[in-house]
Amino acid sequence: FPQVNAEIDGEDVIFKHYYDIGVAVSGSRGLVVPVVRNADKLSL
C-alpha cells in the first residue's frame, strides 16, 4: 500500500520507493524520531 509511504506536496503526491523508517523514542529532553535509513535492505 504505497500511499502510506507517500506524502502530499501541494496538488501532487510523492510516492517514495525507499523505506526510511522513523522510530519514536523518548530522549532526555522529549520525544525524538531518529530514522533507520534503507530499512528494507537490513537484516533483523
Full PDB file with SEQRES, HELIX, SHEET, SSBOND, CRYST1, ORIGX, SCALE, CONECT and MASTER records, all heavy atoms in Angstrom:
SEQRES   1 A   44  PHE PRO GLN VAL ASN ALA GLU ILE ASP GLY GLU ASP VAL          
SEQRES   2 A   44  ILE PHE LYS HIS TYR TYR ASP ILE GLY VAL ALA VAL SER          
SEQRES   3 A   44  GLY SER ARG GLY LEU VAL VAL PRO VAL VAL ARG ASN ALA          
SEQRES   4 A   44  ASP LYS LEU SER LEU                                          
HELIX    1 AA1 PRO A    2  ASN A    5  5                                   4    
HELIX    2 AA2 ALA A   39  LYS A   41  5                                   3    
SHEET    1 AA1 2 ALA A   6  ASP A   9  0                                        
SHEET    2 AA1 2 ASP A  12  PHE A  15 -1                                        
SHEET    1 AA2 2 ILE A  21  GLY A  22  0                                        
SHEET    2 AA2 2 VAL A  35  VAL A  36 -1                                        
SHEET    1 AA3 2 VAL A  25  GLY A  27  0                                        
SHEET    2 AA3 2 GLY A  30  VAL A  32 -1                                        
CRYST1    1.000    1.000    1.000  90.00  90.00  90.00 P 1           1          
ORIGX1      1.000000  0.000000  0.000000        0.00000                         
ORIGX2      0.000000  1.000000  0.000000        0.00000                         
ORIGX3      0.000000  0.000000  1.000000        0.00000                         
SCALE1      1.000000  0.000000  0.000000        0.00000                         
SCALE2      0.000000  1.000000  0.000000        0.00000                         
SCALE3      0.000000  0.000000  1.000000        0.00000                         
ATOM      1  N   PHE A   1       0.856  -1.192   0.000  1.00  0.00           N  
ATOM      2  CA  PHE A   1       0.000   0.000   0.000  1.00  0.00           C  
ATOM      3  C   PHE A   1       0.895   1.246   0.000  1.00  0.00           C  
ATOM      4  O   PHE A   1       1.125   1.867   1.031  1.00  0.00           O  
ATOM      5  CB  PHE A   1      -0.931  -0.017   1.209  1.00  0.00           C  
ATOM      6  CG  PHE A   1      -1.797  -1.242   1.271  1.00  0.00           C  
ATOM      7  CD1 PHE A   1      -1.426  -2.326   2.055  1.00  0.00           C  
ATOM      8  CD2 PHE A   1      -2.942  -1.343   0.503  1.00  0.00           C  
ATOM      9  CE1 PHE A   1      -2.197  -3.476   2.101  1.00  0.00           C  
ATOM     10  CE2 PHE A   1      -3.724  -2.494   0.536  1.00  0.00           C  
ATOM     11  CZ  PHE A   1      -3.354  -3.561   1.330  1.00  0.00           C  
ATOM     12  N   PRO A   2       1.413   1.614  -1.168  1.00  0.00           N  
ATOM     13  CA  PRO A   2       2.408   2.686  -1.254  1.00  0.00           C  
ATOM     14  C   PRO A   2       1.890   4.058  -0.847  1.00  0.00           C  
ATOM     15  O   PRO A   2       2.690   4.950  -0.574  1.00  0.00           O  
ATOM     16  CB  PRO A   2       2.828   2.661  -2.729  1.00  0.00           C  
ATOM     17  CG  PRO A   2       1.708   1.970  -3.446  1.00  0.00           C  
ATOM     18  CD  PRO A   2       1.163   0.980  -2.471  1.00  0.00           C  
ATOM     19  N   GLN A   3       0.560   4.243  -0.780  1.00  0.00           N  
ATOM     20  CA  GLN A   3       0.044   5.534  -0.337  1.00  0.00           C  
ATOM     21  C   GLN A   3       0.496   5.865   1.091  1.00  0.00           C  
ATOM     22  O   GLN A   3       0.673   7.028   1.449  1.00  0.00           O  
ATOM     23  CB  GLN A   3      -1.493   5.552  -0.361  1.00  0.00           C  
ATOM     24  CG  GLN A   3      -2.105   5.241  -1.717  1.00  0.00           C  
ATOM     25  CD  GLN A   3      -2.510   3.785  -1.808  1.00  0.00           C  
ATOM     26  OE1 GLN A   3      -1.744   2.895  -1.414  1.00  0.00           O  
ATOM     27  NE2 GLN A   3      -3.701   3.531  -2.338  1.00  0.00           N  
ATOM     28  N   VAL A   4       0.684   4.815   1.899  1.00  0.00           N  
ATOM     29  CA  VAL A   4       1.057   5.030   3.297  1.00  0.00           C  
ATOM     30  C   VAL A   4       2.523   5.451   3.398  1.00  0.00           C  
ATOM     31  O   VAL A   4       2.950   5.970   4.427  1.00  0.00           O  
ATOM     32  CB  VAL A   4       0.775   3.757   4.125  1.00  0.00           C  
ATOM     33  CG1 VAL A   4       0.928   4.038   5.615  1.00  0.00           C  
ATOM     34  CG2 VAL A   4      -0.636   3.236   3.849  1.00  0.00           C  
ATOM     35  N   ASN A   5       3.274   5.255   2.321  1.00  0.00           N  
ATOM     36  CA  ASN A   5       4.687   5.651   2.304  1.00  0.00           C  
ATOM     37  C   ASN A   5       4.899   6.900   1.443  1.00  0.00           C  
ATOM     38  O   ASN A   5       6.025   7.207   1.058  1.00  0.00           O  
ATOM     39  CB  ASN A   5       5.548   4.509   1.749  1.00  0.00           C  
ATOM     40  CG  ASN A   5       7.008   4.625   2.139  1.00  0.00           C  
ATOM     41  OD1 ASN A   5       7.332   4.800   3.301  1.00  0.00           O  
ATOM     42  ND2 ASN A   5       7.901   4.522   1.152  1.00  0.00           N  
ATOM     43  N   ALA A   6       3.830   7.619   1.181  1.00  0.00           N  
ATOM     44  CA  ALA A   6       3.889   8.779   0.301  1.00  0.00           C  
ATOM     45  C   ALA A   6       3.703  10.069   1.101  1.00  0.00           C  
ATOM     46  O   ALA A   6       3.517  10.052   2.320  1.00  0.00           O  
ATOM     47  CB  ALA A   6       2.823   8.659  -0.780  1.00  0.00           C  
ATOM     48  N   GLU A   7       3.771  11.189   0.398  1.00  0.00           N  
ATOM     49  CA  GLU A   7       3.475  12.482   1.031  1.00  0.00           C  
ATOM     50  C   GLU A   7       2.752  13.367   0.032  1.00  0.00           C  
ATOM     51  O   GLU A   7       2.894  13.208  -1.191  1.00  0.00           O  
ATOM     52  CB  GLU A   7       4.737  13.174   1.528  1.00  0.00           C  
ATOM     53  CG  GLU A   7       5.588  13.826   0.463  1.00  0.00           C  
ATOM     54  CD  GLU A   7       6.730  14.641   1.043  1.00  0.00           C  
ATOM     55  OE1 GLU A   7       7.739  14.051   1.468  1.00  0.00           O  
ATOM     56  OE2 GLU A   7       6.631  15.875   1.042  1.00  0.00           O  
ATOM     57  N   ILE A   8       1.966  14.296   0.559  1.00  0.00           N  
ATOM     58  CA  ILE A   8       1.250  15.261  -0.261  1.00  0.00           C  
ATOM     59  C   ILE A   8       2.094  16.520  -0.366  1.00  0.00           C  
ATOM     60  O   ILE A   8       2.526  17.079   0.650  1.00  0.00           O  
ATOM     61  CB  ILE A   8      -0.128  15.583   0.341  1.00  0.00           C  
ATOM     62  CG1 ILE A   8      -1.001  14.328   0.350  1.00  0.00           C  
ATOM     63  CG2 ILE A   8      -0.808  16.702  -0.435  1.00  0.00           C  
ATOM     64  CD1 ILE A   8      -2.347  14.527   1.041  1.00  0.00           C  
ATOM     65  N   ASP A   9       2.342  16.973  -1.588  1.00  0.00           N  
ATOM     66  CA  ASP A   9       3.101  18.196  -1.828  1.00  0.00           C  
ATOM     67  C   ASP A   9       2.268  19.100  -2.715  1.00  0.00           C  
ATOM     68  O   ASP A   9       2.298  18.985  -3.937  1.00  0.00           O  
ATOM     69  CB  ASP A   9       4.443  17.865  -2.490  1.00  0.00           C  
ATOM     70  CG  ASP A   9       5.318  19.102  -2.666  1.00  0.00           C  
ATOM     71  OD1 ASP A   9       5.051  20.118  -1.998  1.00  0.00           O  
ATOM     72  OD2 ASP A   9       6.260  19.054  -3.478  1.00  0.00           O  
ATOM     73  N   GLY A  10       1.518  19.995  -2.084  1.00  0.00           N  
ATOM     74  CA  GLY A  10       0.612  20.842  -2.850  1.00  0.00           C  
ATOM     75  C   GLY A  10      -0.480  20.021  -3.487  1.00  0.00           C  
ATOM     76  O   GLY A  10      -1.260  19.361  -2.798  1.00  0.00           O  
ATOM     77  N   GLU A  11      -0.534  20.042  -4.829  1.00  0.00           N  
ATOM     78  CA  GLU A  11      -1.517  19.249  -5.551  1.00  0.00           C  
ATOM     79  C   GLU A  11      -0.923  17.947  -6.085  1.00  0.00           C  
ATOM     80  O   GLU A  11      -1.573  17.231  -6.843  1.00  0.00           O  
ATOM     81  CB  GLU A  11      -2.085  20.074  -6.715  1.00  0.00           C  
ATOM     82  CG  GLU A  11      -2.846  21.314  -6.250  1.00  0.00           C  
ATOM     83  CD  GLU A  11      -3.447  22.084  -7.398  1.00  0.00           C  
ATOM     84  OE1 GLU A  11      -3.187  21.700  -8.570  1.00  0.00           O  
ATOM     85  OE2 GLU A  11      -4.182  23.051  -7.147  1.00  0.00           O  
ATOM     86  N   ASP A  12       0.320  17.654  -5.671  1.00  0.00           N  
ATOM     87  CA  ASP A  12       0.977  16.431  -6.123  1.00  0.00           C  
ATOM     88  C   ASP A  12       1.105  15.435  -4.983  1.00  0.00           C  
ATOM     89  O   ASP A  12       1.100  15.800  -3.809  1.00  0.00           O  
ATOM     90  CB  ASP A  12       2.379  16.741  -6.673  1.00  0.00           C  
ATOM     91  CG  ASP A  12       2.338  17.674  -7.873  1.00  0.00           C  
ATOM     92  OD1 ASP A  12       1.360  17.594  -8.637  1.00  0.00           O  
ATOM     93  OD2 ASP A  12       3.265  18.487  -8.025  1.00  0.00           O  
ATOM     94  N   VAL A  13       1.245  14.174  -5.357  1.00  0.00           N  
ATOM     95  CA  VAL A  13       1.534  13.102  -4.414  1.00  0.00           C  
ATOM     96  C   VAL A  13       2.901  12.535  -4.765  1.00  0.00           C  
ATOM     97  O   VAL A  13       3.166  12.189  -5.920  1.00  0.00           O  
ATOM     98  CB  VAL A  13       0.473  11.985  -4.469  1.00  0.00           C  
ATOM     99  CG1 VAL A  13       0.842  10.852  -3.508  1.00  0.00           C  
ATOM    100  CG2 VAL A  13      -0.897  12.547  -4.118  1.00  0.00           C  
ATOM    101  N   ILE A  14       3.789  12.468  -3.782  1.00  0.00           N  
ATOM    102  CA  ILE A  14       5.128  11.934  -3.996  1.00  0.00           C  
ATOM    103  C   ILE A  14       5.178  10.520  -3.422  1.00  0.00           C  
ATOM    104  O   ILE A  14       5.085  10.330  -2.205  1.00  0.00           O  
ATOM    105  CB  ILE A  14       6.192  12.822  -3.330  1.00  0.00           C  
ATOM    106  CG1 ILE A  14       6.124  14.243  -3.896  1.00  0.00           C  
ATOM    107  CG2 ILE A  14       7.585  12.223  -3.519  1.00  0.00           C  
ATOM    108  CD1 ILE A  14       7.058  15.212  -3.209  1.00  0.00           C  
ATOM    109  N   PHE A  15       5.293   9.532  -4.314  1.00  0.00           N  
ATOM    110  CA  PHE A  15       5.422   8.142  -3.890  1.00  0.00           C  
ATOM    111  C   PHE A  15       6.906   7.827  -3.718  1.00  0.00           C  
ATOM    112  O   PHE A  15       7.705   8.034  -4.634  1.00  0.00           O  
ATOM    113  CB  PHE A  15       4.785   7.197  -4.908  1.00  0.00           C  
ATOM    114  CG  PHE A  15       3.287   7.272  -4.946  1.00  0.00           C  
ATOM    115  CD1 PHE A  15       2.647   8.126  -5.829  1.00  0.00           C  
ATOM    116  CD2 PHE A  15       2.521   6.503  -4.082  1.00  0.00           C  
ATOM    117  CE1 PHE A  15       1.264   8.209  -5.855  1.00  0.00           C  
ATOM    118  CE2 PHE A  15       1.135   6.577  -4.101  1.00  0.00           C  
ATOM    119  CZ  PHE A  15       0.502   7.431  -4.985  1.00  0.00           C  
ATOM    120  N   LYS A  16       7.261   7.318  -2.578  1.00  0.00           N  
ATOM    121  CA  LYS A  16       8.667   7.083  -2.247  1.00  0.00           C  
ATOM    122  C   LYS A  16       8.970   5.588  -2.360  1.00  0.00           C  
ATOM    123  O   LYS A  16       8.363   4.777  -1.659  1.00  0.00           O  
ATOM    124  CB  LYS A  16       8.960   7.588  -0.833  1.00  0.00           C  
ATOM    125  CG  LYS A  16       8.646   9.083  -0.691  1.00  0.00           C  
ATOM    126  CD  LYS A  16       8.756   9.577   0.725  1.00  0.00           C  
ATOM    127  CE  LYS A  16       8.356  11.035   0.813  1.00  0.00           C  
ATOM    128  NZ  LYS A  16       8.410  11.558   2.191  1.00  0.00           N  
ATOM    129  N   HIS A  17       9.923   5.274  -3.216  1.00  0.00           N  
ATOM    130  CA  HIS A  17      10.297   3.882  -3.436  1.00  0.00           C  
ATOM    131  C   HIS A  17      11.535   3.528  -2.619  1.00  0.00           C  
ATOM    132  O   HIS A  17      12.438   2.838  -3.102  1.00  0.00           O  
ATOM    133  CB  HIS A  17      10.503   3.631  -4.931  1.00  0.00           C  
ATOM    134  CG  HIS A  17       9.299   3.986  -5.760  1.00  0.00           C  
ATOM    135  ND1 HIS A  17       8.096   3.322  -5.638  1.00  0.00           N  
ATOM    136  CD2 HIS A  17       9.098   4.949  -6.685  1.00  0.00           C  
ATOM    137  CE1 HIS A  17       7.211   3.845  -6.466  1.00  0.00           C  
ATOM    138  NE2 HIS A  17       7.788   4.842  -7.114  1.00  0.00           N  
ATOM    139  N   TYR A  18      11.567   4.018  -1.426  1.00  0.00           N  
ATOM    140  CA  TYR A  18      12.592   3.673  -0.439  1.00  0.00           C  
ATOM    141  C   TYR A  18      11.913   3.724   0.924  1.00  0.00           C  
ATOM    142  O   TYR A  18      10.829   4.325   1.071  1.00  0.00           O  
ATOM    143  CB  TYR A  18      13.789   4.630  -0.508  1.00  0.00           C  
ATOM    144  CG  TYR A  18      13.436   6.088  -0.310  1.00  0.00           C  
ATOM    145  CD1 TYR A  18      13.538   6.693   0.944  1.00  0.00           C  
ATOM    146  CD2 TYR A  18      12.980   6.869  -1.376  1.00  0.00           C  
ATOM    147  CE1 TYR A  18      13.204   8.022   1.137  1.00  0.00           C  
ATOM    148  CE2 TYR A  18      12.642   8.199  -1.194  1.00  0.00           C  
ATOM    149  CZ  TYR A  18      12.764   8.775   0.067  1.00  0.00           C  
ATOM    150  OH  TYR A  18      12.431  10.101   0.247  1.00  0.00           O  
ATOM    151  N   TYR A  19      12.548   3.123   1.911  1.00  0.00           N  
ATOM    152  CA  TYR A  19      11.876   2.935   3.193  1.00  0.00           C  
ATOM    153  C   TYR A  19      12.815   3.371   4.323  1.00  0.00           C  
ATOM    154  O   TYR A  19      13.619   2.589   4.827  1.00  0.00           O  
ATOM    155  CB  TYR A  19      11.446   1.470   3.348  1.00  0.00           C  
ATOM    156  CG  TYR A  19      10.571   1.034   2.192  1.00  0.00           C  
ATOM    157  CD1 TYR A  19      11.142   0.444   1.059  1.00  0.00           C  
ATOM    158  CD2 TYR A  19       9.208   1.261   2.203  1.00  0.00           C  
ATOM    159  CE1 TYR A  19      10.367   0.078  -0.024  1.00  0.00           C  
ATOM    160  CE2 TYR A  19       8.426   0.899   1.114  1.00  0.00           C  
ATOM    161  CZ  TYR A  19       9.001   0.311   0.016  1.00  0.00           C  
ATOM    162  OH  TYR A  19       8.220  -0.034  -1.062  1.00  0.00           O  
ATOM    163  N   ASP A  20      12.711   4.646   4.668  1.00  0.00           N  
ATOM    164  CA  ASP A  20      13.447   5.216   5.791  1.00  0.00           C  
ATOM    165  C   ASP A  20      12.471   5.297   6.962  1.00  0.00           C  
ATOM    166  O   ASP A  20      11.591   6.171   6.995  1.00  0.00           O  
ATOM    167  CB  ASP A  20      13.992   6.604   5.445  1.00  0.00           C  
ATOM    168  CG  ASP A  20      15.105   6.547   4.409  1.00  0.00           C  
ATOM    169  OD1 ASP A  20      15.608   5.441   4.162  1.00  0.00           O  
ATOM    170  OD2 ASP A  20      15.463   7.599   3.852  1.00  0.00           O  
ATOM    171  N   ILE A  21      12.621   4.391   7.896  1.00  0.00           N  
ATOM    172  CA  ILE A  21      11.627   4.215   8.957  1.00  0.00           C  
ATOM    173  C   ILE A  21      12.046   4.989  10.212  1.00  0.00           C  
ATOM    174  O   ILE A  21      13.115   4.750  10.786  1.00  0.00           O  
ATOM    175  CB  ILE A  21      11.442   2.726   9.304  1.00  0.00           C  
ATOM    176  CG1 ILE A  21      11.126   1.931   8.034  1.00  0.00           C  
ATOM    177  CG2 ILE A  21      10.345   2.558  10.341  1.00  0.00           C  
ATOM    178  CD1 ILE A  21       9.862   2.362   7.316  1.00  0.00           C  
ATOM    179  N   GLY A  22      11.199   5.916  10.629  1.00  0.00           N  
ATOM    180  CA  GLY A  22      11.424   6.636  11.869  1.00  0.00           C  
ATOM    181  C   GLY A  22      10.927   5.814  13.054  1.00  0.00           C  
ATOM    182  O   GLY A  22       9.854   5.194  12.981  1.00  0.00           O  
ATOM    183  N   VAL A  23      11.712   5.796  14.119  1.00  0.00           N  
ATOM    184  CA  VAL A  23      11.340   5.069  15.337  1.00  0.00           C  
ATOM    185  C   VAL A  23      11.288   6.068  16.480  1.00  0.00           C  
ATOM    186  O   VAL A  23      12.318   6.619  16.883  1.00  0.00           O  
ATOM    187  CB  VAL A  23      12.353   3.945  15.641  1.00  0.00           C  
ATOM    188  CG1 VAL A  23      11.939   3.198  16.905  1.00  0.00           C  
ATOM    189  CG2 VAL A  23      12.465   2.986  14.473  1.00  0.00           C  
ATOM    190  N   ALA A  24      10.089   6.343  16.978  1.00  0.00           N  
ATOM    191  CA  ALA A  24       9.931   7.339  18.038  1.00  0.00           C  
ATOM    192  C   ALA A  24      10.515   6.809  19.341  1.00  0.00           C  
ATOM    193  O   ALA A  24      10.204   5.697  19.767  1.00  0.00           O  
ATOM    194  CB  ALA A  24       8.452   7.668  18.217  1.00  0.00           C  
ATOM    195  N   VAL A  25      11.385   7.597  19.960  1.00  0.00           N  
ATOM    196  CA  VAL A  25      11.993   7.229  21.234  1.00  0.00           C  
ATOM    197  C   VAL A  25      11.927   8.433  22.161  1.00  0.00           C  
ATOM    198  O   VAL A  25      11.868   9.578  21.725  1.00  0.00           O  
ATOM    199  CB  VAL A  25      13.451   6.758  21.068  1.00  0.00           C  
ATOM    200  CG1 VAL A  25      13.522   5.481  20.266  1.00  0.00           C  
ATOM    201  CG2 VAL A  25      14.294   7.840  20.403  1.00  0.00           C  
ATOM    202  N   SER A  26      11.960   8.157  23.434  1.00  0.00           N  
ATOM    203  CA  SER A  26      11.914   9.213  24.433  1.00  0.00           C  
ATOM    204  C   SER A  26      13.330   9.572  24.846  1.00  0.00           C  
ATOM    205  O   SER A  26      14.031   8.775  25.462  1.00  0.00           O  
ATOM    206  CB  SER A  26      11.108   8.754  25.654  1.00  0.00           C  
ATOM    207  OG  SER A  26      11.029   9.783  26.623  1.00  0.00           O  
ATOM    208  N   GLY A  27      13.783  10.772  24.465  1.00  0.00           N  
ATOM    209  CA  GLY A  27      15.098  11.260  24.854  1.00  0.00           C  
ATOM    210  C   GLY A  27      15.044  11.963  26.191  1.00  0.00           C  
ATOM    211  O   GLY A  27      13.987  12.076  26.819  1.00  0.00           O  
ATOM    212  N   SER A  28      16.182  12.488  26.618  1.00  0.00           N  
ATOM    213  CA  SER A  28      16.240  13.142  27.922  1.00  0.00           C  
ATOM    214  C   SER A  28      15.455  14.439  27.945  1.00  0.00           C  
ATOM    215  O   SER A  28      15.063  14.916  29.008  1.00  0.00           O  
ATOM    216  CB  SER A  28      17.701  13.415  28.303  1.00  0.00           C  
ATOM    217  OG  SER A  28      18.291  14.351  27.421  1.00  0.00           O  
ATOM    218  N   ARG A  29      15.214  15.042  26.766  1.00  0.00           N  
ATOM    219  CA  ARG A  29      14.521  16.316  26.708  1.00  0.00           C  
ATOM    220  C   ARG A  29      13.196  16.242  25.948  1.00  0.00           C  
ATOM    221  O   ARG A  29      12.623  17.266  25.603  1.00  0.00           O  
ATOM    222  CB  ARG A  29      15.419  17.379  26.081  1.00  0.00           C  
ATOM    223  CG  ARG A  29      16.582  17.772  26.967  1.00  0.00           C  
ATOM    224  CD  ARG A  29      17.491  18.787  26.279  1.00  0.00           C  
ATOM    225  NE  ARG A  29      18.498  19.299  27.198  1.00  0.00           N  
ATOM    226  CZ  ARG A  29      19.642  18.709  27.461  1.00  0.00           C  
ATOM    227  NH1 ARG A  29      19.921  17.553  26.883  1.00  0.00           N  
ATOM    228  NH2 ARG A  29      20.502  19.236  28.306  1.00  0.00           N  
ATOM    229  N   GLY A  30      12.727  15.030  25.667  1.00  0.00           N  
ATOM    230  CA  GLY A  30      11.445  14.904  24.990  1.00  0.00           C  
ATOM    231  C   GLY A  30      11.491  13.873  23.878  1.00  0.00           C  
ATOM    232  O   GLY A  30      12.495  13.198  23.648  1.00  0.00           O  
ATOM    233  N   LEU A  31      10.383  13.772  23.167  1.00  0.00           N  
ATOM    234  CA  LEU A  31      10.230  12.774  22.113  1.00  0.00           C  
ATOM    235  C   LEU A  31      11.030  13.170  20.879  1.00  0.00           C  
ATOM    236  O   LEU A  31      10.966  14.316  20.424  1.00  0.00           O  
ATOM    237  CB  LEU A  31       8.762  12.634  21.735  1.00  0.00           C  
ATOM    238  CG  LEU A  31       8.426  11.591  20.668  1.00  0.00           C  
ATOM    239  CD1 LEU A  31       8.589  10.197  21.233  1.00  0.00           C  
ATOM    240  CD2 LEU A  31       7.009  11.799  20.157  1.00  0.00           C  
ATOM    241  N   VAL A  32      11.793  12.226  20.353  1.00  0.00           N  
ATOM    242  CA  VAL A  32      12.506  12.425  19.091  1.00  0.00           C  
ATOM    243  C   VAL A  32      12.264  11.217  18.211  1.00  0.00           C  
ATOM    244  O   VAL A  32      11.913  10.136  18.692  1.00  0.00           O  
ATOM    245  CB  VAL A  32      14.022  12.633  19.312  1.00  0.00           C  
ATOM    246  CG1 VAL A  32      14.299  13.958  19.989  1.00  0.00           C  
ATOM    247  CG2 VAL A  32      14.624  11.490  20.115  1.00  0.00           C  
ATOM    248  N   VAL A  33      12.450  11.399  16.893  1.00  0.00           N  
ATOM    249  CA  VAL A  33      12.169  10.322  15.943  1.00  0.00           C  
ATOM    250  C   VAL A  33      13.381  10.149  15.027  1.00  0.00           C  
ATOM    251  O   VAL A  33      13.399  10.658  13.899  1.00  0.00           O  
ATOM    252  CB  VAL A  33      10.895  10.606  15.125  1.00  0.00           C  
ATOM    253  CG1 VAL A  33      10.531   9.386  14.269  1.00  0.00           C  
ATOM    254  CG2 VAL A  33       9.739  10.974  16.029  1.00  0.00           C  
ATOM    255  N   PRO A  34      14.407   9.438  15.473  1.00  0.00           N  
ATOM    256  CA  PRO A  34      15.532   9.146  14.583  1.00  0.00           C  
ATOM    257  C   PRO A  34      15.108   8.164  13.498  1.00  0.00           C  
ATOM    258  O   PRO A  34      14.138   7.413  13.661  1.00  0.00           O  
ATOM    259  CB  PRO A  34      16.577   8.542  15.522  1.00  0.00           C  
ATOM    260  CG  PRO A  34      15.790   7.989  16.659  1.00  0.00           C  
ATOM    261  CD  PRO A  34      14.605   8.890  16.824  1.00  0.00           C  
ATOM    262  N   VAL A  35      15.855   8.162  12.407  1.00  0.00           N  
ATOM    263  CA  VAL A  35      15.446   7.427  11.208  1.00  0.00           C  
ATOM    264  C   VAL A  35      16.437   6.313  10.889  1.00  0.00           C  
ATOM    265  O   VAL A  35      17.652   6.529  10.870  1.00  0.00           O  
ATOM    266  CB  VAL A  35      15.331   8.385  10.003  1.00  0.00           C  
ATOM    267  CG1 VAL A  35      14.942   7.617   8.743  1.00  0.00           C  
ATOM    268  CG2 VAL A  35      14.300   9.476  10.304  1.00  0.00           C  
ATOM    269  N   VAL A  36      15.907   5.120  10.634  1.00  0.00           N  
ATOM    270  CA  VAL A  36      16.706   3.995  10.145  1.00  0.00           C  
ATOM    271  C   VAL A  36      16.643   4.035   8.624  1.00  0.00           C  
ATOM    272  O   VAL A  36      15.593   3.799   8.026  1.00  0.00           O  
ATOM    273  CB  VAL A  36      16.165   2.652  10.675  1.00  0.00           C  
ATOM    274  CG1 VAL A  36      17.005   1.500  10.138  1.00  0.00           C  
ATOM    275  CG2 VAL A  36      16.147   2.637  12.190  1.00  0.00           C  
ATOM    276  N   ARG A  37      17.776   4.339   7.985  1.00  0.00           N  
ATOM    277  CA  ARG A  37      17.815   4.515   6.535  1.00  0.00           C  
ATOM    278  C   ARG A  37      17.794   3.170   5.803  1.00  0.00           C  
ATOM    279  O   ARG A  37      18.413   2.205   6.244  1.00  0.00           O  
ATOM    280  CB  ARG A  37      19.080   5.271   6.125  1.00  0.00           C  
ATOM    281  CG  ARG A  37      19.294   6.589   6.856  1.00  0.00           C  
ATOM    282  CD  ARG A  37      18.319   7.641   6.416  1.00  0.00           C  
ATOM    283  NE  ARG A  37      18.485   8.867   7.212  1.00  0.00           N  
ATOM    284  CZ  ARG A  37      17.699   9.912   7.129  1.00  0.00           C  
ATOM    285  NH1 ARG A  37      16.673   9.900   6.298  1.00  0.00           N  
ATOM    286  NH2 ARG A  37      17.911  10.971   7.884  1.00  0.00           N  
ATOM    287  N   ASN A  38      17.071   3.152   4.684  1.00  0.00           N  
ATOM    288  CA  ASN A  38      17.014   1.962   3.818  1.00  0.00           C  
ATOM    289  C   ASN A  38      16.760   0.704   4.642  1.00  0.00           C  
ATOM    290  O   ASN A  38      17.458  -0.317   4.503  1.00  0.00           O  
ATOM    291  CB  ASN A  38      18.317   1.828   3.026  1.00  0.00           C  
ATOM    292  CG  ASN A  38      18.563   3.014   2.104  1.00  0.00           C  
ATOM    293  OD1 ASN A  38      17.669   3.426   1.371  1.00  0.00           O  
ATOM    294  ND2 ASN A  38      19.755   3.574   2.162  1.00  0.00           N  
ATOM    295  N   ALA A  39      15.744   0.784   5.484  1.00  0.00           N  
ATOM    296  CA  ALA A  39      15.458  -0.317   6.401  1.00  0.00           C  
ATOM    297  C   ALA A  39      15.090  -1.597   5.677  1.00  0.00           C  
ATOM    298  O   ALA A  39      15.253  -2.699   6.225  1.00  0.00           O  
ATOM    299  CB  ALA A  39      14.329   0.089   7.351  1.00  0.00           C  
ATOM    300  N   ASP A  40      14.601  -1.499   4.435  1.00  0.00           N  
ATOM    301  CA  ASP A  40      14.221  -2.695   3.694  1.00  0.00           C  
ATOM    302  C   ASP A  40      15.430  -3.537   3.294  1.00  0.00           C  
ATOM    303  O   ASP A  40      15.283  -4.718   2.955  1.00  0.00           O  
ATOM    304  CB  ASP A  40      13.436  -2.308   2.437  1.00  0.00           C  
ATOM    305  CG  ASP A  40      14.210  -1.365   1.534  1.00  0.00           C  
ATOM    306  OD1 ASP A  40      14.786  -0.391   2.052  1.00  0.00           O  
ATOM    307  OD2 ASP A  40      14.244  -1.592   0.312  1.00  0.00           O  
ATOM    308  N   LYS A  41      16.617  -2.951   3.333  1.00  0.00           N  
ATOM    309  CA  LYS A  41      17.822  -3.679   2.947  1.00  0.00           C  
ATOM    310  C   LYS A  41      18.574  -4.255   4.149  1.00  0.00           C  
ATOM    311  O   LYS A  41      19.651  -4.834   3.992  1.00  0.00           O  
ATOM    312  CB  LYS A  41      18.756  -2.748   2.159  1.00  0.00           C  
ATOM    313  CG  LYS A  41      18.111  -2.146   0.914  1.00  0.00           C  
ATOM    314  CD  LYS A  41      19.075  -1.278   0.150  1.00  0.00           C  
ATOM    315  CE  LYS A  41      18.405  -0.594  -1.025  1.00  0.00           C  
ATOM    316  NZ  LYS A  41      17.756  -1.529  -1.962  1.00  0.00           N  
ATOM    317  N   LEU A  42      18.024  -4.094   5.347  1.00  0.00           N  
ATOM    318  CA  LEU A  42      18.705  -4.525   6.565  1.00  0.00           C  
ATOM    319  C   LEU A  42      18.128  -5.842   7.079  1.00  0.00           C  
ATOM    320  O   LEU A  42      16.923  -6.098   6.968  1.00  0.00           O  
ATOM    321  CB  LEU A  42      18.577  -3.461   7.651  1.00  0.00           C  
ATOM    322  CG  LEU A  42      19.122  -2.067   7.309  1.00  0.00           C  
ATOM    323  CD1 LEU A  42      18.922  -1.119   8.486  1.00  0.00           C  
ATOM    324  CD2 LEU A  42      20.590  -2.132   6.921  1.00  0.00           C  
ATOM    325  N   SER A  43      18.989  -6.666   7.655  1.00  0.00           N  
ATOM    326  CA  SER A  43      18.552  -7.907   8.293  1.00  0.00           C  
ATOM    327  C   SER A  43      17.930  -7.591   9.650  1.00  0.00           C  
ATOM    328  O   SER A  43      18.001  -6.450  10.141  1.00  0.00           O  
ATOM    329  CB  SER A  43      19.741  -8.843   8.476  1.00  0.00           C  
ATOM    330  OG  SER A  43      20.671  -8.278   9.405  1.00  0.00           O  
ATOM    331  N   LEU A  44      17.340  -8.618  10.271  1.00  0.00           N  
ATOM    332  CA  LEU A  44      16.782  -8.414  11.612  1.00  0.00           C  
ATOM    333  C   LEU A  44      17.859  -7.962  12.591  1.00  0.00           C  
ATOM    334  O   LEU A  44      17.619  -7.091  13.429  1.00  0.00           O  
ATOM    335  CB  LEU A  44      16.122  -9.704  12.100  1.00  0.00           C  
ATOM    336  CG  LEU A  44      14.840 -10.161  11.378  1.00  0.00           C  
ATOM    337  CD1 LEU A  44      14.351 -11.472  11.979  1.00  0.00           C  
ATOM    338  CD2 LEU A  44      13.754  -9.103  11.470  1.00  0.00           C  
TER     339      LEU A  44                                                      
MASTER        0    0    0    2    6    0    0    6  338    1    0    4          
END                                                                             
